[in-house]
Amino acid sequence: MVKHIILWTLKDEYSGVQIAEIKKNIKAGLEGLMGQIPGLTDIKVNIDPLDSSNADLMLDSTFESYDALKAYSENPLHVEVANTKVRPFTAERKCFDFEA
């Protein structure tokens, strides 16, 4: 089993209302991939960080194997969500993958 954790910081140009909508769309888009991508066994997006956090949202996903994670990264469904709901709105991305 492989865990794939991503932390994002949104671009500074968005207002509170826009930020809430962006986070909601990222969560819906990524969590909507569950059951559609082989090897993806769990996916959650947390959009409500505590004040002590220095990121705006977090992806916590689990894959059957490292090969499944690599396939996910290239899967057209994932690429579409990343290109339309995530990348245009994020300023910074940190990734941490590990075997669990």
PDB file of N, CA and C in Angstrom:
ATOM      1  N   MET A   1       0.851  -1.173   0.000  1.00  0.00           N
ATOM      2  CA  MET A   1       0.000   0.000   0.000  1.00  0.00           C
ATOM      3  C   MET A   1       0.900   1.241   0.000  1.00  0.00           C
ATOM      4  N   VAL A   2       0.510   2.240  -0.781  1.00  0.00           N
ATOM      5  CA  VAL A   2       1.268   3.485  -0.891  1.00  0.00           C
ATOM      6  C   VAL A   2       0.352   4.658  -0.545  1.00  0.00           C
ATOM      7  N   LYS A   3       0.846   5.532   0.316  1.00  0.00           N
ATOM      8  CA  LYS A   3       0.130   6.759   0.670  1.00  0.00           C
ATOM      9  C   LYS A   3       0.681   7.895  -0.180  1.00  0.00           C
ATOM     10  N   HIS A   4      -0.202   8.753  -0.619  1.00  0.00           N
ATOM     11  CA  HIS A   4       0.141   9.915  -1.454  1.00  0.00           C
ATOM     12  C   HIS A   4      -0.503  11.128  -0.786  1.00  0.00           C
ATOM     13  N   ILE A   5       0.327  11.974  -0.173  1.00  0.00           N
ATOM     14  CA  ILE A   5      -0.150  13.138   0.565  1.00  0.00           C
ATOM     15  C   ILE A   5       0.296  14.395  -0.180  1.00  0.00           C
ATOM     16  N   ILE A   6      -0.625  15.304  -0.412  1.00  0.00           N
ATOM     17  CA  ILE A   6      -0.312  16.577  -1.056  1.00  0.00           C
ATOM     18  C   ILE A   6      -0.836  17.706  -0.171  1.00  0.00           C
ATOM     19  N   LEU A   7      -0.011  18.739  -0.008  1.00  0.00           N
ATOM     20  CA  LEU A   7      -0.429  19.967   0.657  1.00  0.00           C
ATOM     21  C   LEU A   7      -0.354  21.096  -0.366  1.00  0.00           C
ATOM     22  N   TRP A   8      -1.408  21.886  -0.446  1.00  0.00           N
ATOM     23  CA  TRP A   8      -1.441  23.017  -1.366  1.00  0.00           C
ATOM     24  C   TRP A   8      -1.648  24.325  -0.617  1.00  0.00           C
ATOM     25  N   THR A   9      -1.070  25.366  -1.164  1.00  0.00           N
ATOM     26  CA  THR A   9      -1.361  26.729  -0.765  1.00  0.00           C
ATOM     27  C   THR A   9      -1.979  27.402  -1.976  1.00  0.00           C
ATOM     28  N   LEU A  10      -3.107  28.068  -1.745  1.00  0.00           N
ATOM     29  CA  LEU A  10      -3.789  28.751  -2.842  1.00  0.00           C
ATOM     30  C   LEU A  10      -3.097  30.069  -3.169  1.00  0.00           C
ATOM     31  N   LYS A  11      -3.315  30.548  -4.367  1.00  0.00           N
ATOM     32  CA  LYS A  11      -2.788  31.842  -4.783  1.00  0.00           C
ATOM     33  C   LYS A  11      -3.393  32.936  -3.909  1.00  0.00           C
ATOM     34  N   ASP A  12      -2.638  33.990  -3.673  1.00  0.00           N
ATOM     35  CA  ASP A  12      -3.058  35.088  -2.795  1.00  0.00           C
ATOM     36  C   ASP A  12      -4.171  35.957  -3.382  1.00  0.00           C
ATOM     37  N   GLU A  13      -4.426  35.835  -4.650  1.00  0.00           N
ATOM     38  CA  GLU A  13      -5.339  36.761  -5.326  1.00  0.00           C
ATOM     39  C   GLU A  13      -6.823  36.520  -5.066  1.00  0.00           C
ATOM     40  N   TYR A  14      -7.168  35.467  -4.313  1.00  0.00           N
ATOM     41  CA  TYR A  14      -8.578  35.118  -4.136  1.00  0.00           C
ATOM     42  C   TYR A  14      -9.141  35.633  -2.817  1.00  0.00           C
ATOM     43  N   SER A  15     -10.438  35.992  -2.847  1.00  0.00           N
ATOM     44  CA  SER A  15     -11.139  36.461  -1.655  1.00  0.00           C
ATOM     45  C   SER A  15     -11.676  35.273  -0.863  1.00  0.00           C
ATOM     46  N   GLY A  16     -12.210  35.536   0.300  1.00  0.00           N
ATOM     47  CA  GLY A  16     -12.752  34.477   1.149  1.00  0.00           C
ATOM     48  C   GLY A  16     -13.816  33.634   0.476  1.00  0.00           C
ATOM     49  N   VAL A  17     -14.753  34.278  -0.213  1.00  0.00           N
ATOM     50  CA  VAL A  17     -15.820  33.554  -0.906  1.00  0.00           C
ATOM     51  C   VAL A  17     -15.232  32.710  -2.034  1.00  0.00           C
ATOM     52  N   GLN A  18     -14.304  33.274  -2.781  1.00  0.00           N
ATOM     53  CA  GLN A  18     -13.661  32.534  -3.867  1.00  0.00           C
ATOM     54  C   GLN A  18     -12.870  31.347  -3.320  1.00  0.00           C
ATOM     55  N   ILE A  19     -12.160  31.548  -2.227  1.00  0.00           N
ATOM     56  CA  ILE A  19     -11.367  30.482  -1.620  1.00  0.00           C
ATOM     57  C   ILE A  19     -12.254  29.312  -1.223  1.00  0.00           C
ATOM     58  N   ALA A  20     -13.377  29.596  -0.597  1.00  0.00           N
ATOM     59  CA  ALA A  20     -14.302  28.534  -0.188  1.00  0.00           C
ATOM     60  C   ALA A  20     -14.795  27.741  -1.391  1.00  0.00           C
ATOM     61  N   GLU A  21     -15.118  28.434  -2.474  1.00  0.00           N
ATOM     62  CA  GLU A  21     -15.608  27.764  -3.690  1.00  0.00           C
ATOM     63  C   GLU A  21     -14.501  26.939  -4.344  1.00  0.00           C
ATOM     64  N   ILE A  22     -13.298  27.477  -4.408  1.00  0.00           N
ATOM     65  CA  ILE A  22     -12.160  26.749  -4.981  1.00  0.00           C
ATOM     66  C   ILE A  22     -11.901  25.471  -4.197  1.00  0.00           C
ATOM     67  N   LYS A  23     -11.865  25.577  -2.880  1.00  0.00           N
ATOM     68  CA  LYS A  23     -11.631  24.398  -2.037  1.00  0.00           C
ATOM     69  C   LYS A  23     -12.723  23.356  -2.236  1.00  0.00           C
ATOM     70  N   LYS A  24     -13.965  23.806  -2.288  1.00  0.00           N
ATOM     71  CA  LYS A  24     -15.096  22.885  -2.491  1.00  0.00           C
ATOM     72  C   LYS A  24     -14.969  22.163  -3.825  1.00  0.00           C
ATOM     73  N   ASN A  25     -14.575  22.888  -4.869  1.00  0.00           N
ATOM     74  CA  ASN A  25     -14.435  22.281  -6.203  1.00  0.00           C
ATOM     75  C   ASN A  25     -13.275  21.296  -6.257  1.00  0.00           C
ATOM     76  N   ILE A  26     -12.156  21.623  -5.607  1.00  0.00           N
ATOM     77  CA  ILE A  26     -11.019  20.696  -5.564  1.00  0.00           C
ATOM     78  C   ILE A  26     -11.423  19.420  -4.845  1.00  0.00           C
ATOM     79  N   LYS A  27     -12.074  19.564  -3.701  1.00  0.00           N
ATOM     80  CA  LYS A  27     -12.518  18.400  -2.916  1.00  0.00           C
ATOM     81  C   LYS A  27     -13.457  17.514  -3.744  1.00  0.00           C
ATOM     82  N   ALA A  28     -14.467  18.121  -4.350  1.00  0.00           N
ATOM     83  CA  ALA A  28     -15.433  17.348  -5.146  1.00  0.00           C
ATOM     84  C   ALA A  28     -14.751  16.677  -6.332  1.00  0.00           C
ATOM     85  N   GLY A  29     -13.874  17.395  -7.011  1.00  0.00           N
ATOM     86  CA  GLY A  29     -13.207  16.824  -8.176  1.00  0.00           C
ATOM     87  C   GLY A  29     -12.324  15.643  -7.836  1.00  0.00           C
ATOM     88  N   LEU A  30     -11.479  15.805  -6.826  1.00  0.00           N
ATOM     89  CA  LEU A  30     -10.558  14.715  -6.481  1.00  0.00           C
ATOM     90  C   LEU A  30     -11.272  13.548  -5.817  1.00  0.00           C
ATOM     91  N   GLU A  31     -12.161  13.821  -4.878  1.00  0.00           N
ATOM     92  CA  GLU A  31     -12.881  12.723  -4.229  1.00  0.00           C
ATOM     93  C   GLU A  31     -13.809  12.010  -5.209  1.00  0.00           C
ATOM     94  N   GLY A  32     -14.225  12.707  -6.252  1.00  0.00           N
ATOM     95  CA  GLY A  32     -15.053  12.096  -7.290  1.00  0.00           C
ATOM     96  C   GLY A  32     -14.317  11.059  -8.127  1.00  0.00           C
ATOM     97  N   LEU A  33     -12.996  10.994  -7.983  1.00  0.00           N
ATOM     98  CA  LEU A  33     -12.214   9.991  -8.713  1.00  0.00           C
ATOM     99  C   LEU A  33     -12.299   8.601  -8.080  1.00  0.00           C
ATOM    100  N   MET A  34     -12.787   8.528  -6.828  1.00  0.00           N
ATOM    101  CA  MET A  34     -12.889   7.234  -6.148  1.00  0.00           C
ATOM    102  C   MET A  34     -13.787   6.298  -6.961  1.00  0.00           C
ATOM    103  N   GLY A  35     -13.305   5.093  -7.182  1.00  0.00           N
ATOM    104  CA  GLY A  35     -14.056   4.104  -7.943  1.00  0.00           C
ATOM    105  C   GLY A  35     -13.880   4.219  -9.448  1.00  0.00           C
ATOM    106  N   GLN A  36     -13.143   5.233  -9.900  1.00  0.00           N
ATOM    107  CA  GLN A  36     -12.964   5.440 -11.335  1.00  0.00           C
ATOM    108  C   GLN A  36     -11.547   5.159 -11.811  1.00  0.00           C
ATOM    109  N   ILE A  37     -10.608   5.040 -10.873  1.00  0.00           N
ATOM    110  CA  ILE A  37      -9.204   4.844 -11.240  1.00  0.00           C
ATOM    111  C   ILE A  37      -8.690   3.561 -10.596  1.00  0.00           C
ATOM    112  N   PRO A  38      -8.242   2.605 -11.397  1.00  0.00           N
ATOM    113  CA  PRO A  38      -7.740   1.342 -10.859  1.00  0.00           C
ATOM    114  C   PRO A  38      -6.597   1.570  -9.864  1.00  0.00           C
ATOM    115  N   GLY A  39      -6.658   0.847  -8.752  1.00  0.00           N
ATOM    116  CA  GLY A  39      -5.594   0.905  -7.757  1.00  0.00           C
ATOM    117  C   GLY A  39      -5.748   1.990  -6.721  1.00  0.00           C
ATOM    118  N   LEU A  40      -6.669   2.931  -6.925  1.00  0.00           N
ATOM    119  CA  LEU A  40      -6.958   3.962  -5.935  1.00  0.00           C
ATOM    120  C   LEU A  40      -7.934   3.385  -4.919  1.00  0.00           C
ATOM    121  N   THR A  41      -7.480   3.224  -3.668  1.00  0.00           N
ATOM    122  CA  THR A  41      -8.329   2.574  -2.666  1.00  0.00           C
ATOM    123  C   THR A  41      -8.975   3.545  -1.691  1.00  0.00           C
ATOM    124  N   ASP A  42      -8.451   4.771  -1.587  1.00  0.00           N
ATOM    125  CA  ASP A  42      -9.050   5.763  -0.695  1.00  0.00           C
ATOM    126  C   ASP A  42      -8.563   7.145  -1.110  1.00  0.00           C
ATOM    127  N   ILE A  43      -9.442   8.130  -1.004  1.00  0.00           N
ATOM    128  CA  ILE A  43      -9.054   9.509  -1.327  1.00  0.00           C
ATOM    129  C   ILE A  43      -9.927  10.464  -0.531  1.00  0.00           C
ATOM    130  N   LYS A  44      -9.262  11.371   0.167  1.00  0.00           N
ATOM    131  CA  LYS A  44      -9.960  12.383   0.955  1.00  0.00           C
ATOM    132  C   LYS A  44      -9.223  13.705   0.785  1.00  0.00           C
ATOM    133  N   VAL A  45      -9.985  14.788   0.725  1.00  0.00           N
ATOM    134  CA  VAL A  45      -9.408  16.124   0.678  1.00  0.00           C
ATOM    135  C   VAL A  45      -9.931  16.889   1.886  1.00  0.00           C
ATOM    136  N   ASN A  46      -9.003  17.362   2.717  1.00  0.00           N
ATOM    137  CA  ASN A  46      -9.375  18.159   3.874  1.00  0.00           C
ATOM    138  C   ASN A  46      -9.239  19.621   3.500  1.00  0.00           C
ATOM    139  N   ILE A  47     -10.350  20.365   3.638  1.00  0.00           N
ATOM    140  CA  ILE A  47     -10.364  21.771   3.246  1.00  0.00           C
ATOM    141  C   ILE A  47     -10.532  22.708   4.444  1.00  0.00           C
ATOM    142  N   ASP A  48     -10.468  22.170   5.650  1.00  0.00           N
ATOM    143  CA  ASP A  48     -10.685  22.969   6.858  1.00  0.00           C
ATOM    144  C   ASP A  48      -9.495  22.868   7.806  1.00  0.00           C
ATOM    145  N   PRO A  49      -8.365  23.480   7.452  1.00  0.00           N
ATOM    146  CA  PRO A  49      -7.196  23.396   8.330  1.00  0.00           C
ATOM    147  C   PRO A  49      -7.383  24.229   9.601  1.00  0.00           C
ATOM    148  N   LEU A  50      -6.711  23.816  10.652  1.00  0.00           N
ATOM    149  CA  LEU A  50      -6.675  24.617  11.874  1.00  0.00           C
ATOM    150  C   LEU A  50      -5.815  25.857  11.641  1.00  0.00           C
ATOM    151  N   ASP A  51      -5.960  26.857  12.499  1.00  0.00           N
ATOM    152  CA  ASP A  51      -5.201  28.105  12.352  1.00  0.00           C
ATOM    153  C   ASP A  51      -3.690  27.888  12.397  1.00  0.00           C
ATOM    154  N   SER A  52      -3.243  26.817  13.018  1.00  0.00           N
ATOM    155  CA  SER A  52      -1.811  26.539  13.123  1.00  0.00           C
ATOM    156  C   SER A  52      -1.208  25.994  11.830  1.00  0.00           C
ATOM    157  N   SER A  53      -2.034  25.702  10.843  1.00  0.00           N
ATOM    158  CA  SER A  53      -1.567  25.130   9.569  1.00  0.00           C
ATOM    159  C   SER A  53      -0.946  26.204   8.683  1.00  0.00           C
ATOM    160  N   ASN A  54      -0.006  25.774   7.839  1.00  0.00           N
ATOM    161  CA  ASN A  54       0.564  26.708   6.870  1.00  0.00           C
ATOM    162  C   ASN A  54       0.295  26.248   5.435  1.00  0.00           C
ATOM    163  N   ALA A  55      -0.743  25.454   5.258  1.00  0.00           N
ATOM    164  CA  ALA A  55      -1.255  25.056   3.949  1.00  0.00           C
ATOM    165  C   ALA A  55      -2.769  25.250   3.978  1.00  0.00           C
ATOM    166  N   ASP A  56      -3.363  25.382   2.794  1.00  0.00           N
ATOM    167  CA  ASP A  56      -4.796  25.645   2.708  1.00  0.00           C
ATOM    168  C   ASP A  56      -5.656  24.396   2.589  1.00  0.00           C
ATOM    169  N   LEU A  57      -5.113  23.340   1.996  1.00  0.00           N
ATOM    170  CA  LEU A  57      -5.854  22.083   1.884  1.00  0.00           C
ATOM    171  C   LEU A  57      -4.904  20.922   1.684  1.00  0.00           C
ATOM    172  N   MET A  58      -5.424  19.715   1.944  1.00  0.00           N
ATOM    173  CA  MET A  58      -4.592  18.523   1.915  1.00  0.00           C
ATOM    174  C   MET A  58      -5.320  17.375   1.228  1.00  0.00           C
ATOM    175  N   LEU A  59      -4.593  16.693   0.356  1.00  0.00           N
ATOM    176  CA  LEU A  59      -5.053  15.440  -0.247  1.00  0.00           C
ATOM    177  C   LEU A  59      -4.403  14.293   0.506  1.00  0.00           C
ATOM    178  N   ASP A  60      -5.203  13.334   0.927  1.00  0.00           N
ATOM    179  CA  ASP A  60      -4.721  12.119   1.587  1.00  0.00           C
ATOM    180  C   ASP A  60      -5.297  10.954   0.784  1.00  0.00           C
ATOM    181  N   SER A  61      -4.443  10.276   0.019  1.00  0.00           N
ATOM    182  CA  SER A  61      -4.929   9.188  -0.832  1.00  0.00           C
ATOM    183  C   SER A  61      -4.085   7.935  -0.630  1.00  0.00           C
ATOM    184  N   THR A  62      -4.704   6.799  -0.942  1.00  0.00           N
ATOM    185  CA  THR A  62      -4.065   5.504  -0.755  1.00  0.00           C
ATOM    186  C   THR A  62      -4.192   4.699  -2.045  1.00  0.00           C
ATOM    187  N   PHE A  63      -3.096   4.031  -2.400  1.00  0.00           N
ATOM    188  CA  PHE A  63      -3.038   3.226  -3.620  1.00  0.00           C
ATOM    189  C   PHE A  63      -2.568   1.816  -3.295  1.00  0.00           C
ATOM    190  N   GLU A  64      -2.964   0.868  -4.121  1.00  0.00           N
ATOM    191  CA  GLU A  64      -2.563  -0.525  -3.933  1.00  0.00           C
ATOM    192  C   GLU A  64      -1.055  -0.704  -4.044  1.00  0.00           C
ATOM    193  N   SER A  65      -0.414   0.110  -4.872  1.00  0.00           N
ATOM    194  CA  SER A  65       1.020  -0.049  -5.129  1.00  0.00           C
ATOM    195  C   SER A  65       1.593   1.244  -5.683  1.00  0.00           C
ATOM    196  N   TYR A  66       2.909   1.292  -5.768  1.00  0.00           N
ATOM    197  CA  TYR A  66       3.569   2.446  -6.380  1.00  0.00           C
ATOM    198  C   TYR A  66       3.209   2.549  -7.860  1.00  0.00           C
ATOM    199  N   ASP A  67       3.100   1.409  -8.536  1.00  0.00           N
ATOM    200  CA  ASP A  67       2.705   1.425  -9.945  1.00  0.00           C
ATOM    201  C   ASP A  67       1.300   2.008 -10.122  1.00  0.00           C
ATOM    202  N   ALA A  68       0.400   1.713  -9.182  1.00  0.00           N
ATOM    203  CA  ALA A  68      -0.956   2.280  -9.239  1.00  0.00           C
ATOM    204  C   ALA A  68      -0.909   3.797  -9.067  1.00  0.00           C
ATOM    205  N   LEU A  69      -0.044   4.284  -8.188  1.00  0.00           N
ATOM    206  CA  LEU A  69       0.128   5.727  -8.006  1.00  0.00           C
ATOM    207  C   LEU A  69       0.652   6.370  -9.293  1.00  0.00           C
ATOM    208  N   LYS A  70       1.640   5.752  -9.917  1.00  0.00           N
ATOM    209  CA  LYS A  70       2.179   6.299 -11.162  1.00  0.00           C
ATOM    210  C   LYS A  70       1.103   6.336 -12.251  1.00  0.00           C
ATOM    211  N   ALA A  71       0.298   5.277 -12.331  1.00  0.00           N
ATOM    212  CA  ALA A  71      -0.770   5.236 -13.330  1.00  0.00           C
ATOM    213  C   ALA A  71      -1.825   6.319 -13.056  1.00  0.00           C
ATOM    214  N   TYR A  72      -2.144   6.544 -11.789  1.00  0.00           N
ATOM    215  CA  TYR A  72      -3.087   7.597 -11.387  1.00  0.00           C
ATOM    216  C   TYR A  72      -2.600   8.966 -11.866  1.00  0.00           C
ATOM    217  N   SER A  73      -1.305   9.216 -11.720  1.00  0.00           N
ATOM    218  CA  SER A  73      -0.774  10.531 -12.073  1.00  0.00           C
ATOM    219  C   SER A  73      -0.945  10.830 -13.560  1.00  0.00           C
ATOM    220  N   GLU A  74      -1.033   9.796 -14.381  1.00  0.00           N
ATOM    221  CA  GLU A  74      -1.180   9.959 -15.825  1.00  0.00           C
ATOM    222  C   GLU A  74      -2.597   9.687 -16.322  1.00  0.00           C
ATOM    223  N   ASN A  75      -3.471   9.232 -15.431  1.00  0.00           N
ATOM    224  CA  ASN A  75      -4.828   8.894 -15.829  1.00  0.00           C
ATOM    225  C   ASN A  75      -5.558  10.153 -16.314  1.00  0.00           C
ATOM    226  N   PRO A  76      -6.207  10.093 -17.474  1.00  0.00           N
ATOM    227  CA  PRO A  76      -6.885  11.279 -18.016  1.00  0.00           C
ATOM    228  C   PRO A  76      -7.926  11.895 -17.084  1.00  0.00           C
ATOM    229  N   LEU A  77      -8.608  11.085 -16.299  1.00  0.00           N
ATOM    230  CA  LEU A  77      -9.595  11.630 -15.361  1.00  0.00           C
ATOM    231  C   LEU A  77      -8.907  12.485 -14.294  1.00  0.00           C
ATOM    232  N   HIS A  78      -7.794  11.979 -13.765  1.00  0.00           N
ATOM    233  CA  HIS A  78      -7.031  12.739 -12.774  1.00  0.00           C
ATOM    234  C   HIS A  78      -6.425  13.991 -13.395  1.00  0.00           C
ATOM    235  N   VAL A  79      -5.844  13.860 -14.570  1.00  0.00           N
ATOM    236  CA  VAL A  79      -5.214  14.997 -15.246  1.00  0.00           C
ATOM    237  C   VAL A  79      -6.245  16.102 -15.488  1.00  0.00           C
ATOM    238  N   GLU A  80      -7.443  15.729 -15.885  1.00  0.00           N
ATOM    239  CA  GLU A  80      -8.513  16.716 -16.117  1.00  0.00           C
ATOM    240  C   GLU A  80      -8.837  17.487 -14.836  1.00  0.00           C
ATOM    241  N   VAL A  81      -9.000  16.777 -13.726  1.00  0.00           N
ATOM    242  CA  VAL A  81      -9.284  17.447 -12.448  1.00  0.00           C
ATOM    243  C   VAL A  81      -8.113  18.347 -12.055  1.00  0.00           C
ATOM    244  N   ALA A  82      -6.901  17.827 -12.164  1.00  0.00           N
ATOM    245  CA  ALA A  82      -5.723  18.608 -11.793  1.00  0.00           C
ATOM    246  C   ALA A  82      -5.603  19.878 -12.637  1.00  0.00           C
ATOM    247  N   ASN A  83      -5.847  19.756 -13.923  1.00  0.00           N
ATOM    248  CA  ASN A  83      -5.666  20.893 -14.829  1.00  0.00           C
ATOM    249  C   ASN A  83      -6.780  21.926 -14.766  1.00  0.00           C
ATOM    250  N   THR A  84      -7.967  21.525 -14.311  1.00  0.00           N
ATOM    251  CA  THR A  84      -9.094  22.456 -14.297  1.00  0.00           C
ATOM    252  C   THR A  84      -9.480  22.937 -12.899  1.00  0.00           C
ATOM    253  N   LYS A  85      -9.280  22.107 -11.885  1.00  0.00           N
ATOM    254  CA  LYS A  85      -9.744  22.451 -10.539  1.00  0.00           C
ATOM    255  C   LYS A  85      -8.625  22.736  -9.547  1.00  0.00           C
ATOM    256  N   VAL A  86      -7.401  22.274  -9.823  1.00  0.00           N
ATOM    257  CA  VAL A  86      -6.314  22.412  -8.850  1.00  0.00           C
ATOM    258  C   VAL A  86      -5.244  23.391  -9.335  1.00  0.00           C
ATOM    259  N   ARG A  87      -4.545  23.048 -10.368  1.00  0.00           N
ATOM    260  CA  ARG A  87      -3.364  23.821 -10.805  1.00  0.00           C
ATOM    261  C   ARG A  87      -3.626  25.301 -11.069  1.00  0.00           C
ATOM    262  N   PRO A  88      -4.760  25.675 -11.672  1.00  0.00           N
ATOM    263  CA  PRO A  88      -4.959  27.104 -11.934  1.00  0.00           C
ATOM    264  C   PRO A  88      -5.066  27.961 -10.665  1.00  0.00           C
ATOM    265  N   PHE A  89      -5.356  27.342  -9.522  1.00  0.00           N
ATOM    266  CA  PHE A  89      -5.658  28.085  -8.307  1.00  0.00           C
ATOM    267  C   PHE A  89      -4.597  27.963  -7.213  1.00  0.00           C
ATOM    268  N   THR A  90      -3.633  27.087  -7.410  1.00  0.00           N
ATOM    269  CA  THR A  90      -2.649  26.844  -6.355  1.00  0.00           C
ATOM    270  C   THR A  90      -1.315  27.512  -6.659  1.00  0.00           C
ATOM    271  N   ALA A  91      -0.703  28.017  -5.594  1.00  0.00           N
ATOM    272  CA  ALA A  91       0.597  28.678  -5.711  1.00  0.00           C
ATOM    273  C   ALA A  91       1.732  27.739  -5.344  1.00  0.00           C
ATOM    274  N   GLU A  92       1.455  26.821  -4.425  1.00  0.00           N
ATOM    275  CA  GLU A  92       2.500  25.925  -3.944  1.00  0.00           C
ATOM    276  C   GLU A  92       1.928  24.533  -3.707  1.00  0.00           C
ATOM    277  N   ARG A  93       2.751  23.527  -4.002  1.00  0.00           N
ATOM    278  CA  ARG A  93       2.368  22.126  -3.831  1.00  0.00           C
ATOM    279  C   ARG A  93       3.524  21.390  -3.184  1.00  0.00           C
ATOM    280  N   LYS A  94       3.215  20.659  -2.128  1.00  0.00           N
ATOM    281  CA  LYS A  94       4.196  19.788  -1.477  1.00  0.00           C
ATOM    282  C   LYS A  94       3.642  18.366  -1.527  1.00  0.00           C
ATOM    283  N   CYS A  95       4.506  17.420  -1.859  1.00  0.00           N
ATOM    284  CA  CYS A  95       4.090  16.029  -1.989  1.00  0.00           C
ATOM    285  C   CYS A  95       4.936  15.157  -1.067  1.00  0.00           C
ATOM    286  N   PHE A  96       4.287  14.158  -0.450  1.00  0.00           N
ATOM    287  CA  PHE A  96       4.990  13.187   0.369  1.00  0.00           C
ATOM    288  C   PHE A  96       4.360  11.828   0.098  1.00  0.00           C
ATOM    289  N   ASP A  97       5.100  10.928  -0.551  1.00  0.00           N
ATOM    290  CA  ASP A  97       4.645   9.578  -0.849  1.00  0.00           C
ATOM    291  C   ASP A  97       5.435   8.597   0.005  1.00  0.00           C
ATOM    292  N   PHE A  98       4.762   7.546   0.500  1.00  0.00           N
ATOM    293  CA  PHE A  98       5.462   6.550   1.296  1.00  0.00           C
ATOM    294  C   PHE A  98       4.701   5.226   1.293  1.00  0.00           C
ATOM    295  N   GLU A  99       5.447   4.155   1.571  1.00  0.00           N
ATOM    296  CA  GLU A  99       4.831   2.847   1.712  1.00  0.00           C
ATOM    297  C   GLU A  99       4.311   2.698   3.121  1.00  0.00           C
ATOM    298  N   ALA A 100       3.092   2.199   3.221  1.00  0.00           N
ATOM    299  CA  ALA A 100       2.458   2.040   4.541  1.00  0.00           C
ATOM    300  C   ALA A 100       2.199   0.578   4.827  1.00  0.00           C
TER     301      ALA A 100
END
